[in-house]
Amino acid sequence: MARDEDYDQGFNEKRFVYCPAKNYDELFVSKGTGVEIPLKGEGCGFPAVRDAVEDYGRFDEQGINSYNVAMSSTESEASNRRVFDGSQ
């Protein structure tokens, strides 16, 4: 699985981490937008590729979880015009 950098200058150093399975009962708050997402229930383990320095937030860009489901995504609100003008 490949993933390119789509945030800011596009050359942030990365680090590979493993997040073990756990029961979630926490609130994720985006550093970029302030969006709040409640995380509840049993989560699976997954590897992730993160920015080495998380000053702008945590971006787990790719991974294959313990159920063998692959995902490649980031929180990239800047590319959506509706974010800037408030339209739906």
PDB file of N, CA and C in Angstrom:
ATOM      1  N   MET A   1       0.853  -1.163   0.000  1.00  0.00           N
ATOM      2  CA  MET A   1       0.000   0.000   0.000  1.00  0.00           C
ATOM      3  C   MET A   1       0.903   1.232   0.000  1.00  0.00           C
ATOM      4  N   ALA A   2       0.581   2.175  -0.829  1.00  0.00           N
ATOM      5  CA  ALA A   2       1.370   3.404  -0.908  1.00  0.00           C
ATOM      6  C   ALA A   2       0.496   4.595  -0.530  1.00  0.00           C
ATOM      7  N   ARG A   3       1.131   5.622  -0.025  1.00  0.00           N
ATOM      8  CA  ARG A   3       0.402   6.826   0.366  1.00  0.00           C
ATOM      9  C   ARG A   3       1.312   8.024   0.154  1.00  0.00           C
ATOM     10  N   ASP A   4       0.800   9.060  -0.494  1.00  0.00           N
ATOM     11  CA  ASP A   4       1.599  10.270  -0.658  1.00  0.00           C
ATOM     12  C   ASP A   4       1.164  11.307   0.371  1.00  0.00           C
ATOM     13  N   GLU A   5       2.037  12.217   0.659  1.00  0.00           N
ATOM     14  CA  GLU A   5       1.756  13.293   1.618  1.00  0.00           C
ATOM     15  C   GLU A   5       0.839  14.312   0.959  1.00  0.00           C
ATOM     16  N   ASP A   6      -0.260  14.665   1.634  1.00  0.00           N
ATOM     17  CA  ASP A   6      -1.185  15.644   1.063  1.00  0.00           C
ATOM     18  C   ASP A   6      -1.426  16.816   2.003  1.00  0.00           C
ATOM     19  N   TYR A   7      -0.506  17.053   2.901  1.00  0.00           N
ATOM     20  CA  TYR A   7      -0.687  18.107   3.895  1.00  0.00           C
ATOM     21  C   TYR A   7       0.500  19.053   3.868  1.00  0.00           C
ATOM     22  N   ASP A   8       0.237  20.322   3.788  1.00  0.00           N
ATOM     23  CA  ASP A   8       1.244  21.374   3.854  1.00  0.00           C
ATOM     24  C   ASP A   8       2.288  21.222   2.756  1.00  0.00           C
ATOM     25  N   GLN A   9       3.558  21.176   3.101  1.00  0.00           N
ATOM     26  CA  GLN A   9       4.618  21.147   2.096  1.00  0.00           C
ATOM     27  C   GLN A   9       4.802  19.780   1.441  1.00  0.00           C
ATOM     28  N   GLY A  10       4.320  18.728   2.074  1.00  0.00           N
ATOM     29  CA  GLY A  10       4.398  17.420   1.440  1.00  0.00           C
ATOM     30  C   GLY A  10       5.696  16.669   1.670  1.00  0.00           C
ATOM     31  N   PHE A  11       6.451  17.017   2.679  1.00  0.00           N
ATOM     32  CA  PHE A  11       7.695  16.272   2.922  1.00  0.00           C
ATOM     33  C   PHE A  11       7.945  16.085   4.417  1.00  0.00           C
ATOM     34  N   ASN A  12       6.913  15.729   5.143  1.00  0.00           N
ATOM     35  CA  ASN A  12       7.047  15.487   6.579  1.00  0.00           C
ATOM     36  C   ASN A  12       7.605  14.090   6.834  1.00  0.00           C
ATOM     37  N   GLU A  13       8.580  13.995   7.732  1.00  0.00           N
ATOM     38  CA  GLU A  13       9.145  12.695   8.075  1.00  0.00           C
ATOM     39  C   GLU A  13       8.067  11.831   8.700  1.00  0.00           C
ATOM     40  N   LYS A  14       8.149  10.521   8.482  1.00  0.00           N
ATOM     41  CA  LYS A  14       7.147   9.574   8.966  1.00  0.00           C
ATOM     42  C   LYS A  14       7.756   8.604   9.969  1.00  0.00           C
ATOM     43  N   ARG A  15       6.876   7.977  10.760  1.00  0.00           N
ATOM     44  CA  ARG A  15       7.295   6.891  11.635  1.00  0.00           C
ATOM     45  C   ARG A  15       6.210   5.824  11.613  1.00  0.00           C
ATOM     46  N   PHE A  16       6.641   4.589  11.732  1.00  0.00           N
ATOM     47  CA  PHE A  16       5.746   3.451  11.706  1.00  0.00           C
ATOM     48  C   PHE A  16       5.453   3.037  13.135  1.00  0.00           C
ATOM     49  N   VAL A  17       4.182   2.916  13.500  1.00  0.00           N
ATOM     50  CA  VAL A  17       3.788   2.537  14.855  1.00  0.00           C
ATOM     51  C   VAL A  17       2.762   1.411  14.792  1.00  0.00           C
ATOM     52  N   TYR A  18       2.614   0.690  15.894  1.00  0.00           N
ATOM     53  CA  TYR A  18       1.550  -0.304  16.001  1.00  0.00           C
ATOM     54  C   TYR A  18       0.647   0.089  17.171  1.00  0.00           C
ATOM     55  N   CYS A  19      -0.650   0.126  16.914  1.00  0.00           N
ATOM     56  CA  CYS A  19      -1.640   0.461  17.930  1.00  0.00           C
ATOM     57  C   CYS A  19      -2.380  -0.829  18.290  1.00  0.00           C
ATOM     58  N   PRO A  20      -2.177  -1.353  19.502  1.00  0.00           N
ATOM     59  CA  PRO A  20      -2.825  -2.613  19.874  1.00  0.00           C
ATOM     60  C   PRO A  20      -4.333  -2.457  20.033  1.00  0.00           C
ATOM     61  N   ALA A  21      -5.039  -3.578  19.921  1.00  0.00           N
ATOM     62  CA  ALA A  21      -6.488  -3.578  20.130  1.00  0.00           C
ATOM     63  C   ALA A  21      -6.800  -3.100  21.541  1.00  0.00           C
ATOM     64  N   LYS A  22      -7.902  -2.356  21.683  1.00  0.00           N
ATOM     65  CA  LYS A  22      -8.297  -1.898  23.015  1.00  0.00           C
ATOM     66  C   LYS A  22      -9.766  -1.505  22.999  1.00  0.00           C
ATOM     67  N   ASN A  23     -10.332  -1.369  24.170  1.00  0.00           N
ATOM     68  CA  ASN A  23     -11.685  -0.843  24.315  1.00  0.00           C
ATOM     69  C   ASN A  23     -11.594   0.669  24.382  1.00  0.00           C
ATOM     70  N   TYR A  24     -12.340   1.347  23.523  1.00  0.00           N
ATOM     71  CA  TYR A  24     -12.320   2.799  23.477  1.00  0.00           C
ATOM     72  C   TYR A  24     -13.473   3.386  24.275  1.00  0.00           C
ATOM     73  N   ASP A  25     -13.185   4.427  25.004  1.00  0.00           N
ATOM     74  CA  ASP A  25     -14.181   5.269  25.654  1.00  0.00           C
ATOM     75  C   ASP A  25     -13.526   6.639  25.809  1.00  0.00           C
ATOM     76  N   GLU A  26     -13.356   7.300  24.668  1.00  0.00           N
ATOM     77  CA  GLU A  26     -12.663   8.589  24.660  1.00  0.00           C
ATOM     78  C   GLU A  26     -13.221   9.471  23.565  1.00  0.00           C
ATOM     79  N   LEU A  27     -12.804  10.699  23.562  1.00  0.00           N
ATOM     80  CA  LEU A  27     -13.247  11.674  22.580  1.00  0.00           C
ATOM     81  C   LEU A  27     -12.050  12.089  21.731  1.00  0.00           C
ATOM     82  N   PHE A  28     -12.164  11.892  20.407  1.00  0.00           N
ATOM     83  CA  PHE A  28     -11.138  12.383  19.492  1.00  0.00           C
ATOM     84  C   PHE A  28     -11.500  13.814  19.134  1.00  0.00           C
ATOM     85  N   VAL A  29     -10.550  14.735  19.277  1.00  0.00           N
ATOM     86  CA  VAL A  29     -10.766  16.135  18.910  1.00  0.00           C
ATOM     87  C   VAL A  29      -9.706  16.515  17.884  1.00  0.00           C
ATOM     88  N   SER A  30     -10.133  16.926  16.704  1.00  0.00           N
ATOM     89  CA  SER A  30      -9.215  17.322  15.644  1.00  0.00           C
ATOM     90  C   SER A  30      -8.488  18.610  16.017  1.00  0.00           C
ATOM     91  N   LYS A  31      -7.179  18.610  15.903  1.00  0.00           N
ATOM     92  CA  LYS A  31      -6.417  19.843  16.137  1.00  0.00           C
ATOM     93  C   LYS A  31      -6.637  20.844  15.010  1.00  0.00           C
ATOM     94  N   GLY A  32      -6.961  20.344  13.821  1.00  0.00           N
ATOM     95  CA  GLY A  32      -7.136  21.228  12.669  1.00  0.00           C
ATOM     96  C   GLY A  32      -8.489  21.892  12.587  1.00  0.00           C
ATOM     97  N   THR A  33      -9.550  21.156  12.938  1.00  0.00           N
ATOM     98  CA  THR A  33     -10.901  21.683  12.754  1.00  0.00           C
ATOM     99  C   THR A  33     -11.702  21.800  14.034  1.00  0.00           C
ATOM    100  N   GLY A  34     -11.276  21.115  15.091  1.00  0.00           N
ATOM    101  CA  GLY A  34     -12.038  21.105  16.324  1.00  0.00           C
ATOM    102  C   GLY A  34     -13.174  20.106  16.324  1.00  0.00           C
ATOM    103  N   VAL A  35     -13.347  19.363  15.242  1.00  0.00           N
ATOM    104  CA  VAL A  35     -14.403  18.350  15.164  1.00  0.00           C
ATOM    105  C   VAL A  35     -14.181  17.314  16.272  1.00  0.00           C
ATOM    106  N   GLU A  36     -15.273  16.944  16.944  1.00  0.00           N
ATOM    107  CA  GLU A  36     -15.206  15.973  18.023  1.00  0.00           C
ATOM    108  C   GLU A  36     -15.911  14.690  17.605  1.00  0.00           C
ATOM    109  N   ILE A  37     -15.234  13.557  17.780  1.00  0.00           N
ATOM    110  CA  ILE A  37     -15.798  12.256  17.426  1.00  0.00           C
ATOM    111  C   ILE A  37     -15.662  11.325  18.621  1.00  0.00           C
ATOM    112  N   PRO A  38     -16.785  10.866  19.185  1.00  0.00           N
ATOM    113  CA  PRO A  38     -16.685   9.920  20.295  1.00  0.00           C
ATOM    114  C   PRO A  38     -16.227   8.555  19.790  1.00  0.00           C
ATOM    115  N   LEU A  39     -15.247   7.983  20.459  1.00  0.00           N
ATOM    116  CA  LEU A  39     -14.746   6.648  20.131  1.00  0.00           C
ATOM    117  C   LEU A  39     -15.169   5.729  21.266  1.00  0.00           C
ATOM    118  N   LYS A  40     -16.023   4.768  20.953  1.00  0.00           N
ATOM    119  CA  LYS A  40     -16.540   3.859  21.983  1.00  0.00           C
ATOM    120  C   LYS A  40     -16.569   2.444  21.438  1.00  0.00           C
ATOM    121  N   GLY A  41     -16.284   1.485  22.300  1.00  0.00           N
ATOM    122  CA  GLY A  41     -16.385   0.088  21.917  1.00  0.00           C
ATOM    123  C   GLY A  41     -15.042  -0.563  21.683  1.00  0.00           C
ATOM    124  N   GLU A  42     -15.105  -1.800  21.233  1.00  0.00           N
ATOM    125  CA  GLU A  42     -13.903  -2.595  21.032  1.00  0.00           C
ATOM    126  C   GLU A  42     -13.254  -2.250  19.694  1.00  0.00           C
ATOM    127  N   GLY A  43     -12.012  -1.814  19.744  1.00  0.00           N
ATOM    128  CA  GLY A  43     -11.268  -1.495  18.544  1.00  0.00           C
ATOM    129  C   GLY A  43     -10.265  -2.590  18.224  1.00  0.00           C
ATOM    130  N   CYS A  44      -9.894  -2.716  16.983  1.00  0.00           N
ATOM    131  CA  CYS A  44      -8.928  -3.736  16.587  1.00  0.00           C
ATOM    132  C   CYS A  44      -7.523  -3.133  16.534  1.00  0.00           C
ATOM    133  N   GLY A  45      -6.522  -3.994  16.529  1.00  0.00           N
ATOM    134  CA  GLY A  45      -5.148  -3.528  16.413  1.00  0.00           C
ATOM    135  C   GLY A  45      -4.845  -3.112  14.980  1.00  0.00           C
ATOM    136  N   PHE A  46      -3.939  -2.153  14.832  1.00  0.00           N
ATOM    137  CA  PHE A  46      -3.581  -1.717  13.477  1.00  0.00           C
ATOM    138  C   PHE A  46      -2.215  -1.047  13.465  1.00  0.00           C
ATOM    139  N   PRO A  47      -1.456  -1.237  12.376  1.00  0.00           N
ATOM    140  CA  PRO A  47      -0.237  -0.460  12.187  1.00  0.00           C
ATOM    141  C   PRO A  47      -0.610   0.872  11.539  1.00  0.00           C
ATOM    142  N   ALA A  48       0.199   1.878  11.739  1.00  0.00           N
ATOM    143  CA  ALA A  48      -0.082   3.182  11.148  1.00  0.00           C
ATOM    144  C   ALA A  48       1.224   3.888  10.785  1.00  0.00           C
ATOM    145  N   VAL A  49       1.157   4.716   9.779  1.00  0.00           N
ATOM    146  CA  VAL A  49       2.275   5.578   9.401  1.00  0.00           C
ATOM    147  C   VAL A  49       1.878   6.993   9.801  1.00  0.00           C
ATOM    148  N   ARG A  50       2.604   7.552  10.767  1.00  0.00           N
ATOM    149  CA  ARG A  50       2.304   8.885  11.301  1.00  0.00           C
ATOM    150  C   ARG A  50       3.418   9.863  10.971  1.00  0.00           C
ATOM    151  N   ASP A  51       3.080  11.143  11.054  1.00  0.00           N
ATOM    152  CA  ASP A  51       4.132  12.157  10.995  1.00  0.00           C
ATOM    153  C   ASP A  51       5.025  11.973  12.215  1.00  0.00           C
ATOM    154  N   ALA A  52       6.325  12.108  12.024  1.00  0.00           N
ATOM    155  CA  ALA A  52       7.266  11.959  13.130  1.00  0.00           C
ATOM    156  C   ALA A  52       7.032  13.024  14.191  1.00  0.00           C
ATOM    157  N   VAL A  53       6.663  14.214  13.771  1.00  0.00           N
ATOM    158  CA  VAL A  53       6.340  15.310  14.686  1.00  0.00           C
ATOM    159  C   VAL A  53       4.852  15.587  14.537  1.00  0.00           C
ATOM    160  N   GLU A  54       4.102  15.473  15.625  1.00  0.00           N
ATOM    161  CA  GLU A  54       2.650  15.594  15.565  1.00  0.00           C
ATOM    162  C   GLU A  54       2.154  16.971  15.997  1.00  0.00           C
ATOM    163  N   ASP A  55       2.890  18.021  15.666  1.00  0.00           N
ATOM    164  CA  ASP A  55       2.509  19.377  16.056  1.00  0.00           C
ATOM    165  C   ASP A  55       1.151  19.800  15.503  1.00  0.00           C
ATOM    166  N   TYR A  56       0.807  19.325  14.311  1.00  0.00           N
ATOM    167  CA  TYR A  56      -0.438  19.742  13.667  1.00  0.00           C
ATOM    168  C   TYR A  56      -1.551  18.713  13.833  1.00  0.00           C
ATOM    169  N   GLY A  57      -1.326  17.673  14.599  1.00  0.00           N
ATOM    170  CA  GLY A  57      -2.318  16.632  14.793  1.00  0.00           C
ATOM    171  C   GLY A  57      -1.735  15.267  14.504  1.00  0.00           C
ATOM    172  N   ARG A  58      -2.554  14.264  14.741  1.00  0.00           N
ATOM    173  CA  ARG A  58      -2.125  12.889  14.482  1.00  0.00           C
ATOM    174  C   ARG A  58      -2.783  12.422  13.205  1.00  0.00           C
ATOM    175  N   PHE A  59      -1.978  12.038  12.251  1.00  0.00           N
ATOM    176  CA  PHE A  59      -2.471  11.596  10.956  1.00  0.00           C
ATOM    177  C   PHE A  59      -1.995  10.166  10.711  1.00  0.00           C
ATOM    178  N   ASP A  60      -2.842   9.190  11.027  1.00  0.00           N
ATOM    179  CA  ASP A  60      -2.526   7.793  10.747  1.00  0.00           C
ATOM    180  C   ASP A  60      -2.903   7.516   9.303  1.00  0.00           C
ATOM    181  N   GLU A  61      -1.924   7.551   8.423  1.00  0.00           N
ATOM    182  CA  GLU A  61      -2.212   7.586   6.992  1.00  0.00           C
ATOM    183  C   GLU A  61      -2.559   6.251   6.359  1.00  0.00           C
ATOM    184  N   GLN A  62      -2.090   5.151   6.891  1.00  0.00           N
ATOM    185  CA  GLN A  62      -2.373   3.886   6.230  1.00  0.00           C
ATOM    186  C   GLN A  62      -2.183   2.747   7.199  1.00  0.00           C
ATOM    187  N   GLY A  63      -2.772   1.617   6.879  1.00  0.00           N
ATOM    188  CA  GLY A  63      -2.588   0.450   7.715  1.00  0.00           C
ATOM    189  C   GLY A  63      -3.521  -0.676   7.321  1.00  0.00           C
ATOM    190  N   ILE A  64      -3.234  -1.856   7.832  1.00  0.00           N
ATOM    191  CA  ILE A  64      -4.070  -3.034   7.639  1.00  0.00           C
ATOM    192  C   ILE A  64      -4.362  -3.561   9.040  1.00  0.00           C
ATOM    193  N   ASN A  65      -5.638  -3.568   9.438  1.00  0.00           N
ATOM    194  CA  ASN A  65      -5.968  -3.904  10.817  1.00  0.00           C
ATOM    195  C   ASN A  65      -5.974  -5.409  11.068  1.00  0.00           C
ATOM    196  N   SER A  66      -6.272  -5.790  12.305  1.00  0.00           N
ATOM    197  CA  SER A  66      -6.216  -7.197  12.696  1.00  0.00           C
ATOM    198  C   SER A  66      -7.316  -8.041  12.047  1.00  0.00           C
ATOM    199  N   TYR A  67      -8.273  -7.397  11.358  1.00  0.00           N
ATOM    200  CA  TYR A  67      -9.278  -8.124  10.577  1.00  0.00           C
ATOM    201  C   TYR A  67      -8.896  -8.166   9.098  1.00  0.00           C
ATOM    202  N   ASN A  68      -7.683  -7.721   8.786  1.00  0.00           N
ATOM    203  CA  ASN A  68      -7.143  -7.718   7.429  1.00  0.00           C
ATOM    204  C   ASN A  68      -7.872  -6.730   6.514  1.00  0.00           C
ATOM    205  N   VAL A  69      -8.363  -5.646   7.096  1.00  0.00           N
ATOM    206  CA  VAL A  69      -8.996  -4.580   6.330  1.00  0.00           C
ATOM    207  C   VAL A  69      -7.977  -3.460   6.149  1.00  0.00           C
ATOM    208  N   ALA A  70      -7.724  -3.073   4.912  1.00  0.00           N
ATOM    209  CA  ALA A  70      -6.746  -2.031   4.607  1.00  0.00           C
ATOM    210  C   ALA A  70      -7.432  -0.681   4.444  1.00  0.00           C
ATOM    211  N   MET A  71      -6.723   0.381   4.866  1.00  0.00           N
ATOM    212  CA  MET A  71      -7.269   1.727   4.719  1.00  0.00           C
ATOM    213  C   MET A  71      -6.137   2.715   4.500  1.00  0.00           C
ATOM    214  N   SER A  72      -6.369   3.648   3.612  1.00  0.00           N
ATOM    215  CA  SER A  72      -5.436   4.730   3.362  1.00  0.00           C
ATOM    216  C   SER A  72      -6.244   6.018   3.327  1.00  0.00           C
ATOM    217  N   SER A  73      -6.060   6.873   4.335  1.00  0.00           N
ATOM    218  CA  SER A  73      -6.838   8.108   4.384  1.00  0.00           C
ATOM    219  C   SER A  73      -6.189   9.091   5.343  1.00  0.00           C
ATOM    220  N   THR A  74      -6.588  10.341   5.243  1.00  0.00           N
ATOM    221  CA  THR A  74      -6.167  11.367   6.191  1.00  0.00           C
ATOM    222  C   THR A  74      -7.319  12.353   6.388  1.00  0.00           C
ATOM    223  N   GLU A  75      -7.153  13.227   7.317  1.00  0.00           N
ATOM    224  CA  GLU A  75      -8.103  14.311   7.552  1.00  0.00           C
ATOM    225  C   GLU A  75      -7.621  15.501   6.742  1.00  0.00           C
ATOM    226  N   SER A  76      -8.217  15.699   5.572  1.00  0.00           N
ATOM    227  CA  SER A  76      -7.749  16.740   4.647  1.00  0.00           C
ATOM    228  C   SER A  76      -8.882  17.700   4.310  1.00  0.00           C
ATOM    229  N   GLU A  77      -9.308  18.457   5.293  1.00  0.00           N
ATOM    230  CA  GLU A  77     -10.437  19.356   5.085  1.00  0.00           C
ATOM    231  C   GLU A  77     -10.105  20.519   4.165  1.00  0.00           C
ATOM    232  N   ALA A  78      -8.826  20.847   3.990  1.00  0.00           N
ATOM    233  CA  ALA A  78      -8.454  22.014   3.188  1.00  0.00           C
ATOM    234  C   ALA A  78      -8.797  21.849   1.718  1.00  0.00           C
ATOM    235  N   SER A  79      -8.974  20.631   1.236  1.00  0.00           N
ATOM    236  CA  SER A  79      -9.263  20.428  -0.178  1.00  0.00           C
ATOM    237  C   SER A  79     -10.760  20.510  -0.489  1.00  0.00           C
ATOM    238  N   ASN A  80     -11.589  20.683   0.517  1.00  0.00           N
ATOM    239  CA  ASN A  80     -13.026  20.725   0.317  1.00  0.00           C
ATOM    240  C   ASN A  80     -13.507  22.174   0.441  1.00  0.00           C
ATOM    241  N   ARG A  81     -13.986  22.737  -0.638  1.00  0.00           N
ATOM    242  CA  ARG A  81     -14.401  24.142  -0.689  1.00  0.00           C
ATOM    243  C   ARG A  81     -15.490  24.462   0.339  1.00  0.00           C
ATOM    244  N   ARG A  82     -16.377  23.478   0.651  1.00  0.00           N
ATOM    245  CA  ARG A  82     -17.463  23.711   1.602  1.00  0.00           C
ATOM    246  C   ARG A  82     -16.944  24.035   2.993  1.00  0.00           C
ATOM    247  N   VAL A  83     -15.727  23.601   3.318  1.00  0.00           N
ATOM    248  CA  VAL A  83     -15.159  23.889   4.622  1.00  0.00           C
ATOM    249  C   VAL A  83     -14.917  25.394   4.783  1.00  0.00           C
ATOM    250  N   PHE A  84     -14.534  26.041   3.699  1.00  0.00           N
ATOM    251  CA  PHE A  84     -14.199  27.460   3.762  1.00  0.00           C
ATOM    252  C   PHE A  84     -15.413  28.377   3.729  1.00  0.00           C
ATOM    253  N   ASP A  85     -16.430  28.031   2.932  1.00  0.00           N
ATOM    254  CA  ASP A  85     -17.541  28.951   2.791  1.00  0.00           C
ATOM    255  C   ASP A  85     -18.795  28.555   3.560  1.00  0.00           C
ATOM    256  N   GLY A  86     -18.782  27.406   4.232  1.00  0.00           N
ATOM    257  CA  GLY A  86     -19.896  26.994   5.077  1.00  0.00           C
ATOM    258  C   GLY A  86     -21.074  26.420   4.321  1.00  0.00           C
ATOM    259  N   SER A  87     -20.980  26.251   2.997  1.00  0.00           N
ATOM    260  CA  SER A  87     -22.096  25.679   2.245  1.00  0.00           C
ATOM    261  C   SER A  87     -22.138  24.161   2.411  1.00  0.00           C
ATOM    262  N   GLN A  88     -23.283  23.594   2.155  1.00  0.00           N
ATOM    263  CA  GLN A  88     -23.458  22.132   2.276  1.00  0.00           C
ATOM    264  C   GLN A  88     -23.677  21.508   0.935  1.00  0.00           C
TER     265      GLN A  88
END
